[in-house]
N, C-alpha and C. Protein backbone atom coordinates (compact mmCIF):
# COMPACT_ATOMS: atom_id res chain seq x y z
N MET A 1 -57.68 13.15 -3.59
CA MET A 1 -57.45 12.10 -4.55
C MET A 1 -56.01 12.07 -5.00
N GLY A 2 -55.30 13.23 -4.95
CA GLY A 2 -53.90 13.30 -5.38
C GLY A 2 -53.01 12.44 -4.51
N LEU A 3 -53.30 12.42 -3.20
CA LEU A 3 -52.50 11.62 -2.29
C LEU A 3 -52.70 10.13 -2.57
N LEU A 4 -53.93 9.73 -2.84
CA LEU A 4 -54.20 8.33 -3.14
C LEU A 4 -53.53 7.91 -4.45
N ASN A 5 -53.48 8.80 -5.44
CA ASN A 5 -52.80 8.48 -6.69
C ASN A 5 -51.30 8.29 -6.47
N LYS A 6 -50.73 9.16 -5.62
CA LYS A 6 -49.30 9.02 -5.33
C LYS A 6 -49.02 7.70 -4.63
N ILE A 7 -49.85 7.34 -3.69
CA ILE A 7 -49.64 6.11 -2.93
C ILE A 7 -49.88 4.88 -3.80
N PHE A 8 -50.94 4.88 -4.59
CA PHE A 8 -51.32 3.69 -5.34
C PHE A 8 -50.92 3.71 -6.80
N GLY A 9 -49.91 4.51 -7.15
CA GLY A 9 -49.37 4.37 -8.49
C GLY A 9 -49.43 5.59 -9.36
N GLY A 10 -50.15 6.58 -9.07
CA GLY A 10 -50.20 7.76 -9.90
C GLY A 10 -49.27 8.82 -9.32
N GLY A 11 -48.39 9.38 -10.11
CA GLY A 11 -47.50 10.42 -9.65
C GLY A 11 -48.19 11.76 -9.72
N ALA A 12 -47.52 12.80 -9.30
CA ALA A 12 -48.08 14.14 -9.33
C ALA A 12 -48.38 14.56 -10.74
N ASN A 13 -47.58 14.10 -11.69
CA ASN A 13 -47.83 14.49 -13.08
C ASN A 13 -48.39 13.32 -13.88
N GLY A 14 -48.92 12.33 -13.19
CA GLY A 14 -49.58 11.24 -13.89
C GLY A 14 -48.66 10.07 -14.20
N THR A 15 -47.40 10.12 -13.80
CA THR A 15 -46.50 9.00 -14.06
C THR A 15 -46.49 8.11 -12.83
N SER A 16 -46.34 6.84 -13.06
CA SER A 16 -46.33 5.90 -11.94
C SER A 16 -44.92 5.71 -11.42
N ALA A 17 -44.81 5.13 -10.23
CA ALA A 17 -43.50 4.85 -9.63
C ALA A 17 -42.73 3.87 -10.50
N ALA A 18 -43.44 2.97 -11.15
CA ALA A 18 -42.78 2.00 -12.03
C ALA A 18 -42.15 2.70 -13.22
N ASP A 19 -42.84 3.73 -13.75
CA ASP A 19 -42.27 4.49 -14.88
C ASP A 19 -41.02 5.24 -14.45
N GLU A 20 -41.06 5.84 -13.26
CA GLU A 20 -39.89 6.57 -12.76
C GLU A 20 -38.72 5.63 -12.55
N THR A 21 -38.97 4.44 -12.01
CA THR A 21 -37.92 3.44 -11.81
C THR A 21 -37.35 2.98 -13.15
N SER A 22 -38.23 2.81 -14.11
CA SER A 22 -37.79 2.40 -15.44
C SER A 22 -36.89 3.45 -16.08
N GLN A 23 -37.26 4.72 -15.93
CA GLN A 23 -36.43 5.80 -16.48
C GLN A 23 -35.08 5.86 -15.76
N SER A 24 -35.08 5.68 -14.46
CA SER A 24 -33.83 5.68 -13.69
C SER A 24 -32.93 4.52 -14.12
N ASP A 25 -33.52 3.35 -14.31
CA ASP A 25 -32.76 2.19 -14.76
C ASP A 25 -32.19 2.44 -16.16
N HIS A 26 -32.97 3.08 -17.01
CA HIS A 26 -32.53 3.38 -18.37
C HIS A 26 -31.33 4.34 -18.35
N ARG A 27 -31.40 5.37 -17.48
CA ARG A 27 -30.29 6.32 -17.38
C ARG A 27 -29.03 5.63 -16.85
N GLU A 28 -29.19 4.77 -15.84
CA GLU A 28 -28.03 4.04 -15.30
C GLU A 28 -27.42 3.13 -16.35
N LYS A 29 -28.27 2.45 -17.13
CA LYS A 29 -27.79 1.55 -18.17
C LYS A 29 -27.05 2.34 -19.26
N ALA A 30 -27.55 3.52 -19.59
CA ALA A 30 -26.89 4.36 -20.59
C ALA A 30 -25.52 4.83 -20.08
N ALA A 31 -25.44 5.18 -18.82
CA ALA A 31 -24.16 5.61 -18.25
C ALA A 31 -23.17 4.46 -18.23
N VAL A 32 -23.62 3.27 -17.89
CA VAL A 32 -22.75 2.09 -17.87
C VAL A 32 -22.28 1.77 -19.28
N ASP A 33 -23.18 1.85 -20.24
CA ASP A 33 -22.82 1.58 -21.64
C ASP A 33 -21.80 2.60 -22.15
N GLN A 34 -21.97 3.85 -21.77
CA GLN A 34 -21.04 4.90 -22.18
C GLN A 34 -19.66 4.66 -21.56
N ALA A 35 -19.62 4.29 -20.28
CA ALA A 35 -18.34 4.01 -19.62
C ALA A 35 -17.66 2.81 -20.25
N LYS A 36 -18.43 1.78 -20.59
CA LYS A 36 -17.87 0.59 -21.24
C LYS A 36 -17.32 0.93 -22.61
N ALA A 37 -18.00 1.78 -23.35
CA ALA A 37 -17.52 2.17 -24.68
C ALA A 37 -16.22 2.96 -24.56
N ALA A 38 -16.13 3.85 -23.57
CA ALA A 38 -14.90 4.62 -23.37
C ALA A 38 -13.76 3.69 -22.98
N ARG A 39 -14.02 2.73 -22.10
CA ARG A 39 -13.00 1.77 -21.68
C ARG A 39 -12.52 0.93 -22.86
N ASP A 40 -13.45 0.46 -23.69
CA ASP A 40 -13.08 -0.34 -24.86
C ASP A 40 -12.25 0.47 -25.85
N THR A 41 -12.62 1.73 -26.05
CA THR A 41 -11.86 2.60 -26.95
C THR A 41 -10.45 2.82 -26.43
N ARG A 42 -10.33 3.03 -25.13
CA ARG A 42 -9.00 3.24 -24.54
C ARG A 42 -8.15 1.98 -24.62
N ARG A 43 -8.76 0.82 -24.41
CA ARG A 43 -8.04 -0.45 -24.54
C ARG A 43 -7.49 -0.60 -25.97
N GLU A 44 -8.32 -0.32 -26.92
CA GLU A 44 -7.90 -0.43 -28.32
C GLU A 44 -6.80 0.58 -28.63
N LEU A 45 -6.91 1.79 -28.10
CA LEU A 45 -5.88 2.80 -28.31
C LEU A 45 -4.54 2.33 -27.76
N VAL A 46 -4.53 1.76 -26.56
CA VAL A 46 -3.28 1.26 -25.96
C VAL A 46 -2.66 0.19 -26.85
N GLN A 47 -3.47 -0.74 -27.34
CA GLN A 47 -2.95 -1.82 -28.18
C GLN A 47 -2.41 -1.29 -29.51
N VAL A 48 -3.11 -0.35 -30.11
CA VAL A 48 -2.66 0.23 -31.38
C VAL A 48 -1.36 1.01 -31.19
N VAL A 49 -1.28 1.80 -30.13
CA VAL A 49 -0.08 2.60 -29.88
C VAL A 49 1.10 1.68 -29.57
N LEU A 50 0.87 0.59 -28.85
CA LEU A 50 1.95 -0.36 -28.59
C LEU A 50 2.47 -0.95 -29.90
N ARG A 51 1.57 -1.38 -30.77
CA ARG A 51 1.99 -1.92 -32.07
C ARG A 51 2.76 -0.89 -32.89
N ASP A 52 2.26 0.35 -32.90
CA ASP A 52 2.94 1.42 -33.66
C ASP A 52 4.32 1.73 -33.08
N THR A 53 4.44 1.74 -31.76
CA THR A 53 5.72 2.01 -31.13
C THR A 53 6.71 0.89 -31.44
N MET A 54 6.25 -0.34 -31.41
CA MET A 54 7.13 -1.46 -31.75
C MET A 54 7.56 -1.37 -33.21
N ARG A 55 6.63 -1.05 -34.09
CA ARG A 55 6.95 -0.93 -35.53
C ARG A 55 7.94 0.22 -35.76
N LYS A 56 7.72 1.32 -35.06
CA LYS A 56 8.59 2.50 -35.20
C LYS A 56 10.04 2.18 -34.86
N HIS A 57 10.24 1.34 -33.83
CA HIS A 57 11.58 1.03 -33.36
C HIS A 57 12.10 -0.31 -33.88
N GLY A 58 11.32 -0.98 -34.72
CA GLY A 58 11.77 -2.23 -35.32
C GLY A 58 11.76 -3.43 -34.39
N VAL A 59 10.96 -3.37 -33.33
CA VAL A 59 10.84 -4.49 -32.41
C VAL A 59 9.89 -5.51 -33.04
N PRO A 60 10.32 -6.77 -33.18
CA PRO A 60 9.44 -7.79 -33.77
C PRO A 60 8.11 -7.89 -33.02
N SER A 61 7.05 -8.10 -33.77
CA SER A 61 5.70 -8.06 -33.19
C SER A 61 5.42 -9.18 -32.20
N ASP A 62 6.17 -10.27 -32.24
CA ASP A 62 5.91 -11.36 -31.31
C ASP A 62 6.74 -11.27 -30.04
N TRP A 63 7.51 -10.22 -29.86
CA TRP A 63 8.35 -10.07 -28.68
C TRP A 63 7.58 -9.50 -27.50
N VAL A 64 6.73 -8.50 -27.73
CA VAL A 64 6.04 -7.80 -26.64
C VAL A 64 4.54 -7.84 -26.87
N ASP A 65 3.82 -8.14 -25.81
CA ASP A 65 2.36 -8.12 -25.83
C ASP A 65 1.95 -7.25 -24.65
N CYS A 66 0.66 -7.02 -24.48
CA CYS A 66 0.26 -6.23 -23.32
C CYS A 66 -0.97 -6.83 -22.65
N ARG A 67 -1.04 -6.57 -21.37
CA ARG A 67 -2.19 -6.95 -20.55
C ARG A 67 -2.75 -5.65 -19.99
N ILE A 68 -4.05 -5.48 -20.08
CA ILE A 68 -4.68 -4.25 -19.62
C ILE A 68 -5.66 -4.58 -18.50
N LEU A 69 -5.48 -3.92 -17.37
CA LEU A 69 -6.33 -4.13 -16.22
C LEU A 69 -7.15 -2.86 -15.99
N SER A 70 -8.45 -2.97 -16.16
CA SER A 70 -9.34 -1.83 -15.91
C SER A 70 -9.64 -1.77 -14.42
N VAL A 71 -9.55 -0.56 -13.87
CA VAL A 71 -9.76 -0.38 -12.43
C VAL A 71 -10.60 0.86 -12.17
N LYS A 72 -11.09 0.93 -10.95
CA LYS A 72 -11.79 2.12 -10.48
C LYS A 72 -11.16 2.50 -9.15
N THR A 73 -10.72 3.75 -9.01
CA THR A 73 -10.04 4.19 -7.79
C THR A 73 -11.04 4.38 -6.66
N ARG A 74 -10.52 4.68 -5.49
CA ARG A 74 -11.39 4.94 -4.34
C ARG A 74 -12.26 6.16 -4.56
N GLN A 75 -11.77 7.07 -5.40
CA GLN A 75 -12.55 8.27 -5.71
C GLN A 75 -13.49 8.01 -6.89
N HIS A 76 -13.67 6.75 -7.27
CA HIS A 76 -14.57 6.31 -8.35
C HIS A 76 -14.11 6.84 -9.71
N LYS A 77 -12.81 6.99 -9.88
CA LYS A 77 -12.25 7.42 -11.16
C LYS A 77 -11.85 6.17 -11.94
N ALA A 78 -12.41 6.01 -13.13
CA ALA A 78 -12.12 4.84 -13.95
C ALA A 78 -10.81 5.04 -14.69
N GLY A 79 -10.05 3.96 -14.79
CA GLY A 79 -8.78 4.02 -15.50
C GLY A 79 -8.25 2.63 -15.74
N MET A 80 -6.95 2.55 -16.07
CA MET A 80 -6.36 1.25 -16.33
C MET A 80 -4.87 1.24 -16.04
N HIS A 81 -4.39 0.02 -15.82
CA HIS A 81 -2.97 -0.25 -15.67
C HIS A 81 -2.57 -1.11 -16.86
N VAL A 82 -1.44 -0.81 -17.48
CA VAL A 82 -0.96 -1.56 -18.63
C VAL A 82 0.32 -2.27 -18.24
N GLN A 83 0.41 -3.53 -18.62
CA GLN A 83 1.60 -4.32 -18.35
C GLN A 83 2.12 -4.85 -19.68
N PHE A 84 3.37 -4.49 -20.01
CA PHE A 84 4.00 -5.01 -21.21
C PHE A 84 4.59 -6.38 -20.88
N LEU A 85 4.22 -7.37 -21.66
CA LEU A 85 4.68 -8.73 -21.45
C LEU A 85 5.76 -9.04 -22.47
N VAL A 86 7.00 -9.18 -22.01
CA VAL A 86 8.12 -9.47 -22.90
C VAL A 86 8.22 -10.99 -23.01
N ARG A 87 7.85 -11.51 -24.16
CA ARG A 87 7.81 -12.95 -24.37
C ARG A 87 9.15 -13.49 -24.88
N GLN A 88 9.90 -12.67 -25.60
CA GLN A 88 11.23 -13.05 -26.07
C GLN A 88 12.00 -11.79 -26.42
N GLY A 89 13.29 -11.93 -26.65
CA GLY A 89 14.10 -10.77 -26.98
C GLY A 89 14.47 -9.93 -25.78
N ASP A 90 14.32 -10.52 -24.57
CA ASP A 90 14.58 -9.72 -23.38
C ASP A 90 16.02 -9.26 -23.27
N ALA A 91 16.97 -10.04 -23.78
CA ALA A 91 18.37 -9.63 -23.71
C ALA A 91 18.61 -8.37 -24.54
N GLN A 92 17.93 -8.26 -25.68
CA GLN A 92 18.09 -7.09 -26.53
C GLN A 92 17.29 -5.90 -26.02
N LEU A 93 16.12 -6.15 -25.44
CA LEU A 93 15.24 -5.06 -25.00
C LEU A 93 15.61 -4.46 -23.66
N LEU A 94 16.27 -5.23 -22.81
CA LEU A 94 16.47 -4.80 -21.43
C LEU A 94 17.15 -3.44 -21.31
N ASP A 95 18.12 -3.16 -22.16
CA ASP A 95 18.82 -1.87 -22.09
C ASP A 95 17.95 -0.71 -22.56
N TYR A 96 16.85 -1.00 -23.25
CA TYR A 96 16.04 0.05 -23.86
C TYR A 96 14.64 0.14 -23.26
N VAL A 97 14.41 -0.48 -22.13
CA VAL A 97 13.08 -0.49 -21.51
C VAL A 97 12.59 0.93 -21.24
N HIS A 98 13.44 1.77 -20.64
CA HIS A 98 13.01 3.13 -20.32
C HIS A 98 12.77 3.95 -21.59
N ALA A 99 13.63 3.82 -22.58
CA ALA A 99 13.46 4.55 -23.84
C ALA A 99 12.19 4.11 -24.55
N PHE A 100 11.92 2.82 -24.57
CA PHE A 100 10.70 2.30 -25.21
C PHE A 100 9.46 2.83 -24.50
N GLN A 101 9.50 2.81 -23.17
CA GLN A 101 8.36 3.29 -22.38
C GLN A 101 8.11 4.77 -22.64
N GLU A 102 9.16 5.57 -22.69
CA GLU A 102 8.99 7.00 -22.98
C GLU A 102 8.42 7.22 -24.38
N SER A 103 8.89 6.43 -25.33
CA SER A 103 8.36 6.54 -26.69
C SER A 103 6.88 6.16 -26.72
N PHE A 104 6.49 5.14 -25.98
CA PHE A 104 5.09 4.74 -25.88
C PHE A 104 4.25 5.89 -25.33
N TRP A 105 4.73 6.53 -24.23
CA TRP A 105 3.99 7.64 -23.64
C TRP A 105 3.87 8.80 -24.62
N GLU A 106 4.94 9.11 -25.34
CA GLU A 106 4.87 10.20 -26.32
C GLU A 106 3.82 9.93 -27.38
N GLU A 107 3.79 8.69 -27.86
CA GLU A 107 2.82 8.33 -28.91
C GLU A 107 1.39 8.37 -28.40
N ILE A 108 1.15 7.85 -27.20
CA ILE A 108 -0.23 7.82 -26.71
C ILE A 108 -0.73 9.23 -26.39
N LEU A 109 0.19 10.09 -25.94
CA LEU A 109 -0.22 11.47 -25.64
C LEU A 109 -0.51 12.27 -26.90
N LYS A 110 0.04 11.84 -28.04
CA LYS A 110 -0.30 12.50 -29.31
C LYS A 110 -1.76 12.27 -29.65
N PHE A 111 -2.25 11.04 -29.40
CA PHE A 111 -3.64 10.70 -29.72
C PHE A 111 -4.60 11.15 -28.64
N GLU A 112 -4.17 11.04 -27.39
CA GLU A 112 -5.05 11.34 -26.26
C GLU A 112 -4.27 12.16 -25.23
N PRO A 113 -4.34 13.49 -25.31
CA PRO A 113 -3.57 14.35 -24.40
C PRO A 113 -3.90 14.14 -22.92
N GLN A 114 -5.07 13.65 -22.59
CA GLN A 114 -5.44 13.41 -21.20
C GLN A 114 -5.17 11.97 -20.76
N ALA A 115 -4.31 11.27 -21.46
CA ALA A 115 -4.06 9.85 -21.16
C ALA A 115 -3.51 9.65 -19.77
N ARG A 116 -2.75 10.59 -19.24
CA ARG A 116 -2.17 10.43 -17.90
C ARG A 116 -3.27 10.45 -16.81
N GLU A 117 -4.46 10.90 -17.15
CA GLU A 117 -5.56 10.92 -16.19
C GLU A 117 -6.21 9.55 -16.05
N TRP A 118 -6.16 8.72 -17.09
CA TRP A 118 -6.80 7.41 -17.02
C TRP A 118 -5.82 6.24 -17.18
N LEU A 119 -4.62 6.49 -17.66
CA LEU A 119 -3.62 5.43 -17.76
C LEU A 119 -2.70 5.58 -16.55
N PHE A 120 -3.01 4.82 -15.50
CA PHE A 120 -2.39 5.02 -14.20
C PHE A 120 -0.95 4.51 -14.14
N SER A 121 -0.64 3.42 -14.84
CA SER A 121 0.72 2.89 -14.77
C SER A 121 1.05 2.05 -15.99
N VAL A 122 2.36 1.94 -16.24
CA VAL A 122 2.89 1.05 -17.25
C VAL A 122 3.95 0.21 -16.55
N ALA A 123 3.83 -1.10 -16.66
CA ALA A 123 4.75 -2.02 -15.99
C ALA A 123 5.28 -3.03 -17.00
N TRP A 124 6.31 -3.74 -16.60
CA TRP A 124 6.94 -4.73 -17.46
C TRP A 124 6.97 -6.08 -16.76
N GLN A 125 6.79 -7.14 -17.54
CA GLN A 125 6.94 -8.50 -17.04
C GLN A 125 7.71 -9.29 -18.08
N PHE A 126 8.73 -10.00 -17.61
CA PHE A 126 9.57 -10.80 -18.49
C PHE A 126 9.24 -12.27 -18.29
N TYR A 127 8.95 -12.98 -19.40
CA TYR A 127 8.59 -14.39 -19.34
C TYR A 127 9.81 -15.26 -19.59
N GLY A 128 9.70 -16.48 -19.15
CA GLY A 128 10.72 -17.47 -19.46
C GLY A 128 11.98 -17.29 -18.63
N LYS A 129 12.91 -18.23 -18.83
CA LYS A 129 14.19 -18.18 -18.14
C LYS A 129 15.07 -17.14 -18.78
N ALA A 130 15.91 -16.54 -17.96
CA ALA A 130 16.85 -15.54 -18.46
C ALA A 130 17.84 -16.21 -19.40
N VAL A 131 18.17 -15.50 -20.46
CA VAL A 131 19.15 -15.99 -21.41
C VAL A 131 20.51 -15.98 -20.74
N ARG A 132 21.31 -16.97 -20.99
CA ARG A 132 22.66 -16.99 -20.42
C ARG A 132 23.43 -15.77 -20.89
N GLY A 133 24.33 -15.33 -20.04
CA GLY A 133 25.13 -14.17 -20.39
C GLY A 133 24.85 -12.97 -19.51
N PHE A 134 23.77 -13.03 -18.74
CA PHE A 134 23.53 -11.93 -17.80
C PHE A 134 24.55 -12.03 -16.68
N ALA A 135 24.97 -10.88 -16.21
CA ALA A 135 25.92 -10.86 -15.09
C ALA A 135 25.19 -11.33 -13.83
N PRO A 136 25.91 -12.03 -12.95
CA PRO A 136 25.26 -12.44 -11.69
C PRO A 136 25.02 -11.23 -10.80
N MET A 137 24.12 -11.38 -9.86
CA MET A 137 23.80 -10.30 -8.94
C MET A 137 25.03 -10.00 -8.07
N PRO A 138 25.29 -8.72 -7.82
CA PRO A 138 26.43 -8.38 -6.95
C PRO A 138 26.11 -8.68 -5.49
N SER A 139 27.13 -8.60 -4.66
CA SER A 139 26.93 -8.86 -3.23
C SER A 139 26.06 -7.75 -2.64
N ALA A 140 25.54 -7.99 -1.46
CA ALA A 140 24.64 -7.04 -0.81
C ALA A 140 25.32 -5.70 -0.55
N GLY A 141 26.59 -5.70 -0.21
CA GLY A 141 27.30 -4.47 0.09
C GLY A 141 27.65 -3.64 -1.13
N ALA A 142 27.60 -4.23 -2.31
CA ALA A 142 27.99 -3.53 -3.54
C ALA A 142 27.07 -2.34 -3.83
N TRP A 143 25.79 -2.47 -3.50
CA TRP A 143 24.85 -1.38 -3.77
C TRP A 143 25.20 -0.16 -2.92
N ALA A 144 25.50 -0.37 -1.66
CA ALA A 144 25.85 0.73 -0.76
C ALA A 144 27.18 1.34 -1.17
N GLU A 145 28.15 0.51 -1.56
CA GLU A 145 29.46 1.03 -1.99
C GLU A 145 29.33 1.89 -3.22
N GLU A 146 28.53 1.44 -4.18
CA GLU A 146 28.33 2.21 -5.42
C GLU A 146 27.67 3.55 -5.13
N ALA A 147 26.67 3.55 -4.25
CA ALA A 147 25.99 4.79 -3.90
C ALA A 147 26.94 5.74 -3.17
N ALA A 148 27.77 5.19 -2.29
CA ALA A 148 28.73 6.02 -1.55
C ALA A 148 29.77 6.62 -2.50
N ASP A 149 30.22 5.82 -3.48
CA ASP A 149 31.19 6.33 -4.45
C ASP A 149 30.61 7.48 -5.26
N LYS A 150 29.36 7.34 -5.68
CA LYS A 150 28.72 8.41 -6.47
C LYS A 150 28.53 9.67 -5.64
N SER A 151 28.12 9.52 -4.39
CA SER A 151 27.89 10.71 -3.57
C SER A 151 29.19 11.37 -3.16
N SER A 152 30.24 10.60 -2.92
CA SER A 152 31.52 11.21 -2.53
C SER A 152 32.17 11.92 -3.71
N ASP A 153 32.01 11.42 -4.92
CA ASP A 153 32.56 12.08 -6.10
C ASP A 153 31.87 13.41 -6.36
N ALA A 154 30.58 13.45 -6.19
CA ALA A 154 29.83 14.66 -6.50
C ALA A 154 29.97 15.71 -5.41
N GLY A 155 30.10 15.31 -4.16
CA GLY A 155 30.10 16.25 -3.06
C GLY A 155 31.47 16.69 -2.59
N ASP A 156 32.56 16.16 -3.14
CA ASP A 156 33.90 16.49 -2.68
C ASP A 156 34.39 17.76 -3.36
N THR A 157 34.44 18.84 -2.59
CA THR A 157 34.89 20.12 -3.16
C THR A 157 36.26 20.52 -2.66
N GLN A 158 36.82 19.74 -1.75
CA GLN A 158 38.14 20.04 -1.20
C GLN A 158 39.23 19.46 -2.10
N PRO A 159 40.33 20.20 -2.28
CA PRO A 159 41.42 19.66 -3.08
C PRO A 159 42.06 18.47 -2.37
N GLN A 160 42.50 17.54 -3.14
CA GLN A 160 43.14 16.35 -2.58
C GLN A 160 44.63 16.63 -2.37
N TYR A 161 45.09 16.52 -1.14
CA TYR A 161 46.51 16.72 -0.81
C TYR A 161 47.12 15.37 -0.53
N GLU A 162 48.23 15.15 -1.16
CA GLU A 162 48.92 13.90 -0.93
C GLU A 162 49.84 13.99 0.28
N ASP A 163 50.21 15.21 0.62
CA ASP A 163 51.22 15.37 1.67
C ASP A 163 50.73 16.41 2.68
N ALA A 164 50.91 16.14 3.94
CA ALA A 164 50.51 17.07 4.99
C ALA A 164 51.35 18.34 4.96
N GLU A 165 52.60 18.24 4.52
CA GLU A 165 53.47 19.42 4.43
C GLU A 165 52.94 20.41 3.39
N ASP A 166 52.43 19.88 2.24
CA ASP A 166 51.85 20.76 1.22
C ASP A 166 50.65 21.51 1.78
N LEU A 167 49.84 20.82 2.52
CA LEU A 167 48.66 21.43 3.12
C LEU A 167 49.07 22.53 4.10
N ALA A 168 50.04 22.25 4.94
CA ALA A 168 50.49 23.23 5.92
C ALA A 168 51.08 24.46 5.25
N SER A 169 51.88 24.28 4.20
CA SER A 169 52.50 25.43 3.52
C SER A 169 51.45 26.25 2.79
N ASP A 170 50.46 25.60 2.20
CA ASP A 170 49.39 26.34 1.52
C ASP A 170 48.57 27.15 2.52
N LEU A 171 48.26 26.56 3.67
CA LEU A 171 47.51 27.28 4.69
C LEU A 171 48.31 28.47 5.21
N GLN A 172 49.62 28.28 5.38
CA GLN A 172 50.47 29.37 5.87
C GLN A 172 50.49 30.52 4.86
N ALA A 173 50.54 30.20 3.56
CA ALA A 173 50.53 31.23 2.53
C ALA A 173 49.21 31.98 2.53
N LEU A 174 48.09 31.26 2.69
CA LEU A 174 46.78 31.91 2.73
C LEU A 174 46.65 32.83 3.94
N TYR A 175 47.13 32.39 5.09
CA TYR A 175 47.09 33.24 6.29
C TYR A 175 47.94 34.49 6.09
N ALA A 176 49.06 34.37 5.43
CA ALA A 176 49.94 35.53 5.19
C ALA A 176 49.24 36.54 4.30
N ILE A 177 48.54 36.07 3.27
CA ILE A 177 47.80 36.96 2.38
C ILE A 177 46.69 37.66 3.15
N ARG A 178 45.98 36.91 3.98
CA ARG A 178 44.89 37.49 4.77
C ARG A 178 45.43 38.54 5.73
N ASP A 179 46.53 38.23 6.42
CA ASP A 179 47.09 39.17 7.39
C ASP A 179 47.56 40.45 6.70
N ALA A 180 48.14 40.31 5.50
CA ALA A 180 48.59 41.48 4.77
C ALA A 180 47.41 42.36 4.38
N ALA A 181 46.30 41.75 3.98
CA ALA A 181 45.11 42.51 3.58
C ALA A 181 44.51 43.22 4.79
N ILE A 182 44.55 42.60 5.94
CA ILE A 182 44.00 43.20 7.14
C ILE A 182 44.87 44.40 7.59
N SER A 183 46.19 44.24 7.51
CA SER A 183 47.07 45.29 7.98
C SER A 183 47.01 46.54 7.07
N ARG A 184 46.58 46.43 5.84
CA ARG A 184 46.47 47.57 4.94
C ARG A 184 45.24 48.44 5.22
N ARG A 185 44.27 47.91 5.89
CA ARG A 185 43.04 48.67 6.15
C ARG A 185 43.34 49.82 7.09
N PRO A 186 42.69 50.98 6.88
CA PRO A 186 42.93 52.14 7.76
C PRO A 186 42.34 51.95 9.13
């Protein structure tokens, strides 16, 4: 009779397949509700920290807004990407984007030390036309020239000689010192 109960609705402990499905659905719904609550709390935290960071640095509240994109990674890890939307004041903010972003990270990590596990990225978007006064883009070769100038300044360890005769006389003096040191050895 136990086999017939299992087949036609009675479980081994008297519960039906419908009851087991109902309990499974209830557990799944509870997990989804818990994940949604965590996501909503994190969204609110990002918005509050953004407002506090702006207030801390005196940035007007209508200059920057944020867009939050909730995502799930391939490894099924839930998180979000935050995009700061600069609606105005871009000429004043542009020089301080990195400093503002670092201040935002410091503030959010005070409230949520594991924020780097679920806050995957912070990005910036500037709205509207650029205010006049920005410098035009340099030529394509300017980027390579600037990089070459920086690397040559840092890596140049040889003294700069203006005259080949100075170089030759210095080398001759060094060889004389070396030869004298060698000849003194027993």
